[in-house]
N, C-alpha and C. Protein backbone atom coordinates (compact mmCIF):
# COMPACT_ATOMS: atom_id res chain seq x y z
N MET A 1 -33.89 2.76 13.66
CA MET A 1 -32.65 2.31 14.23
C MET A 1 -31.86 1.55 13.17
N SER A 2 -30.57 1.80 13.12
CA SER A 2 -29.71 1.20 12.11
C SER A 2 -29.19 -0.16 12.57
N ASP A 3 -29.07 -1.09 11.63
CA ASP A 3 -28.55 -2.41 11.93
C ASP A 3 -27.05 -2.52 11.71
N THR A 4 -26.40 -1.43 11.30
CA THR A 4 -24.97 -1.49 11.06
C THR A 4 -24.21 -1.43 12.38
N PRO A 5 -23.16 -2.24 12.51
CA PRO A 5 -22.38 -2.21 13.75
C PRO A 5 -21.57 -0.94 13.83
N PRO A 6 -21.20 -0.51 15.03
CA PRO A 6 -20.38 0.69 15.16
C PRO A 6 -19.01 0.46 14.55
N SER A 7 -18.43 1.53 14.02
CA SER A 7 -17.12 1.39 13.39
C SER A 7 -16.06 1.10 14.46
N VAL A 8 -15.17 0.22 14.12
CA VAL A 8 -14.11 -0.18 15.03
C VAL A 8 -12.79 0.28 14.43
N ALA A 9 -11.95 0.87 15.25
CA ALA A 9 -10.65 1.31 14.77
C ALA A 9 -9.86 0.09 14.31
N SER A 10 -9.16 0.25 13.19
CA SER A 10 -8.40 -0.89 12.67
C SER A 10 -7.16 -1.13 13.54
N ALA A 11 -6.79 -2.38 13.63
CA ALA A 11 -5.60 -2.75 14.40
C ALA A 11 -4.36 -2.28 13.66
N PRO A 12 -3.33 -1.89 14.38
CA PRO A 12 -2.11 -1.44 13.70
C PRO A 12 -1.47 -2.57 12.90
N LYS A 13 -0.97 -2.22 11.74
CA LYS A 13 -0.32 -3.20 10.88
C LYS A 13 1.19 -3.11 11.08
N SER A 14 1.87 -4.14 10.66
CA SER A 14 3.32 -4.21 10.84
C SER A 14 4.04 -3.39 9.78
N ARG A 15 4.92 -2.52 10.22
CA ARG A 15 5.72 -1.72 9.28
C ARG A 15 6.74 -2.61 8.57
N THR A 16 7.22 -3.64 9.27
CA THR A 16 8.19 -4.56 8.66
C THR A 16 7.56 -5.28 7.47
N VAL A 17 6.34 -5.74 7.63
CA VAL A 17 5.63 -6.41 6.52
C VAL A 17 5.44 -5.42 5.38
N TYR A 18 5.07 -4.19 5.70
CA TYR A 18 4.88 -3.15 4.68
C TYR A 18 6.16 -2.93 3.88
N ILE A 19 7.30 -2.85 4.57
CA ILE A 19 8.58 -2.61 3.89
C ILE A 19 8.98 -3.80 3.02
N VAL A 20 8.79 -5.01 3.54
CA VAL A 20 9.13 -6.21 2.77
C VAL A 20 8.26 -6.30 1.52
N LEU A 21 6.97 -6.02 1.66
CA LEU A 21 6.09 -6.03 0.49
C LEU A 21 6.49 -4.95 -0.52
N ALA A 22 6.90 -3.78 -0.03
CA ALA A 22 7.32 -2.71 -0.92
C ALA A 22 8.57 -3.10 -1.70
N ILE A 23 9.49 -3.80 -1.04
CA ILE A 23 10.72 -4.20 -1.71
C ILE A 23 10.47 -5.33 -2.71
N LEU A 24 9.70 -6.33 -2.30
CA LEU A 24 9.50 -7.51 -3.15
C LEU A 24 8.44 -7.32 -4.23
N LEU A 25 7.34 -6.64 -3.90
CA LEU A 25 6.22 -6.52 -4.82
C LEU A 25 5.77 -5.07 -5.02
N GLY A 26 6.68 -4.15 -4.81
CA GLY A 26 6.35 -2.73 -4.86
C GLY A 26 5.86 -2.26 -6.21
N SER A 27 6.36 -2.83 -7.29
CA SER A 27 5.93 -2.42 -8.62
C SER A 27 4.46 -2.70 -8.86
N TYR A 28 3.92 -3.67 -8.13
CA TYR A 28 2.51 -4.04 -8.27
C TYR A 28 1.62 -3.35 -7.24
N GLY A 29 2.20 -2.58 -6.32
CA GLY A 29 1.43 -1.84 -5.34
C GLY A 29 0.85 -2.68 -4.22
N ILE A 30 1.37 -3.88 -4.02
CA ILE A 30 0.83 -4.78 -3.01
C ILE A 30 0.95 -4.17 -1.61
N HIS A 31 2.02 -3.44 -1.36
CA HIS A 31 2.19 -2.82 -0.04
C HIS A 31 1.12 -1.76 0.22
N ASN A 32 0.66 -1.09 -0.84
CA ASN A 32 -0.42 -0.12 -0.68
C ASN A 32 -1.74 -0.80 -0.35
N PHE A 33 -2.01 -1.92 -1.00
CA PHE A 33 -3.21 -2.68 -0.67
C PHE A 33 -3.15 -3.15 0.78
N TYR A 34 -1.99 -3.59 1.23
CA TYR A 34 -1.82 -4.02 2.62
C TYR A 34 -2.13 -2.89 3.59
N ALA A 35 -1.70 -1.68 3.26
CA ALA A 35 -1.92 -0.53 4.13
C ALA A 35 -3.32 0.06 3.97
N GLY A 36 -4.09 -0.43 3.01
CA GLY A 36 -5.45 0.05 2.82
C GLY A 36 -5.59 1.17 1.81
N ASP A 37 -4.51 1.54 1.14
CA ASP A 37 -4.53 2.61 0.15
C ASP A 37 -4.79 1.99 -1.23
N LYS A 38 -6.05 1.69 -1.50
CA LYS A 38 -6.41 0.98 -2.72
C LYS A 38 -6.15 1.79 -3.98
N LYS A 39 -6.32 3.11 -3.90
CA LYS A 39 -6.14 3.96 -5.07
C LYS A 39 -4.68 3.92 -5.56
N ALA A 40 -3.73 4.14 -4.65
CA ALA A 40 -2.32 4.11 -5.04
C ALA A 40 -1.90 2.72 -5.49
N GLY A 41 -2.42 1.70 -4.81
CA GLY A 41 -2.10 0.32 -5.21
C GLY A 41 -2.60 0.01 -6.61
N LEU A 42 -3.81 0.44 -6.91
CA LEU A 42 -4.37 0.20 -8.23
C LEU A 42 -3.61 0.97 -9.31
N ILE A 43 -3.21 2.19 -9.02
CA ILE A 43 -2.42 2.98 -9.98
C ILE A 43 -1.12 2.26 -10.31
N LYS A 44 -0.39 1.81 -9.28
CA LYS A 44 0.88 1.12 -9.51
C LYS A 44 0.67 -0.17 -10.29
N LEU A 45 -0.35 -0.92 -9.92
CA LEU A 45 -0.62 -2.18 -10.60
C LEU A 45 -0.95 -1.95 -12.07
N LEU A 46 -1.83 -1.01 -12.35
CA LEU A 46 -2.23 -0.75 -13.74
C LEU A 46 -1.10 -0.18 -14.58
N VAL A 47 -0.34 0.75 -14.02
CA VAL A 47 0.79 1.32 -14.79
C VAL A 47 1.79 0.22 -15.14
N THR A 48 2.09 -0.64 -14.17
CA THR A 48 3.04 -1.71 -14.43
C THR A 48 2.54 -2.67 -15.50
N ILE A 49 1.30 -3.08 -15.41
CA ILE A 49 0.76 -4.06 -16.36
C ILE A 49 0.49 -3.45 -17.73
N LEU A 50 -0.10 -2.26 -17.76
CA LEU A 50 -0.48 -1.66 -19.05
C LEU A 50 0.70 -1.16 -19.86
N THR A 51 1.85 -0.98 -19.23
CA THR A 51 3.05 -0.57 -19.97
C THR A 51 3.95 -1.76 -20.26
N CYS A 52 3.40 -2.95 -20.19
CA CYS A 52 4.16 -4.19 -20.41
C CYS A 52 5.38 -4.26 -19.51
N PHE A 53 5.19 -3.88 -18.27
CA PHE A 53 6.17 -3.97 -17.19
C PHE A 53 7.33 -2.97 -17.29
N ILE A 54 7.34 -2.12 -18.31
CA ILE A 54 8.35 -1.06 -18.39
C ILE A 54 8.07 -0.01 -17.33
N GLY A 55 6.80 0.26 -17.08
CA GLY A 55 6.42 1.22 -16.05
C GLY A 55 6.68 0.70 -14.65
N GLY A 56 7.06 -0.56 -14.54
CA GLY A 56 7.38 -1.14 -13.24
C GLY A 56 8.62 -0.53 -12.60
N ILE A 57 9.51 0.00 -13.42
CA ILE A 57 10.74 0.60 -12.89
C ILE A 57 10.44 1.86 -12.09
N PRO A 58 9.71 2.84 -12.65
CA PRO A 58 9.38 4.00 -11.81
C PRO A 58 8.43 3.65 -10.66
N MET A 59 7.57 2.64 -10.84
CA MET A 59 6.67 2.23 -9.76
C MET A 59 7.46 1.59 -8.61
N PHE A 60 8.55 0.88 -8.94
CA PHE A 60 9.41 0.30 -7.91
C PHE A 60 10.12 1.41 -7.14
N ILE A 61 10.58 2.43 -7.84
CA ILE A 61 11.23 3.57 -7.18
C ILE A 61 10.23 4.27 -6.26
N TRP A 62 9.00 4.45 -6.72
CA TRP A 62 7.94 5.04 -5.91
C TRP A 62 7.68 4.18 -4.67
N ALA A 63 7.72 2.85 -4.84
CA ALA A 63 7.48 1.94 -3.71
C ALA A 63 8.59 2.05 -2.67
N ILE A 64 9.82 2.18 -3.10
CA ILE A 64 10.94 2.32 -2.15
C ILE A 64 10.81 3.64 -1.39
N ILE A 65 10.42 4.70 -2.08
CA ILE A 65 10.20 5.99 -1.40
C ILE A 65 9.06 5.85 -0.40
N ASP A 66 7.99 5.14 -0.78
CA ASP A 66 6.90 4.87 0.16
C ASP A 66 7.40 4.13 1.39
N ALA A 67 8.21 3.11 1.18
CA ALA A 67 8.71 2.30 2.30
C ALA A 67 9.52 3.14 3.27
N ILE A 68 10.22 4.13 2.76
CA ILE A 68 11.04 4.99 3.61
C ILE A 68 10.20 6.02 4.34
N ASN A 69 9.23 6.60 3.66
CA ASN A 69 8.51 7.76 4.19
C ASN A 69 7.19 7.48 4.90
N VAL A 70 6.48 6.44 4.52
CA VAL A 70 5.14 6.22 5.05
C VAL A 70 5.22 5.64 6.46
N LYS A 71 4.54 6.30 7.39
CA LYS A 71 4.55 5.88 8.79
C LYS A 71 3.16 5.45 9.27
N LYS A 72 2.11 5.70 8.47
CA LYS A 72 0.73 5.39 8.86
C LYS A 72 0.03 4.68 7.71
N ASP A 73 -0.98 3.87 8.07
CA ASP A 73 -1.78 3.24 7.03
C ASP A 73 -2.82 4.21 6.49
N ALA A 74 -3.69 3.74 5.62
CA ALA A 74 -4.69 4.61 4.98
C ALA A 74 -5.70 5.16 5.99
N ASN A 75 -5.87 4.50 7.13
CA ASN A 75 -6.81 4.97 8.16
C ASN A 75 -6.17 5.92 9.15
N GLY A 76 -4.89 6.22 8.98
CA GLY A 76 -4.20 7.12 9.87
C GLY A 76 -3.65 6.46 11.13
N VAL A 77 -3.66 5.13 11.16
CA VAL A 77 -3.14 4.38 12.30
C VAL A 77 -1.65 4.14 12.09
N ASP A 78 -0.84 4.46 13.11
CA ASP A 78 0.60 4.25 13.01
C ASP A 78 0.91 2.77 12.86
N PHE A 79 1.93 2.47 12.02
CA PHE A 79 2.41 1.10 11.91
C PHE A 79 3.09 0.69 13.21
N ASN A 80 3.10 -0.62 13.47
CA ASN A 80 3.86 -1.14 14.63
C ASN A 80 5.33 -1.10 14.33
């Protein structure tokens, strides 16, 4: 018998918070971390830092596109 608890569906996150994070900290991928998409968040963070913040410009554009298009978090749960 396993001691791990049963998986619980994640609570819906706020789309407003996601959009605000994308606008203010989108170049660093913070909105992706909030939504649970660690891979995309890490890519944005590393590109921005490793290019001495020059790569932050395309990452910011990517973040704005995310804010407009993304309707679900990484678990497939719709934002509030």
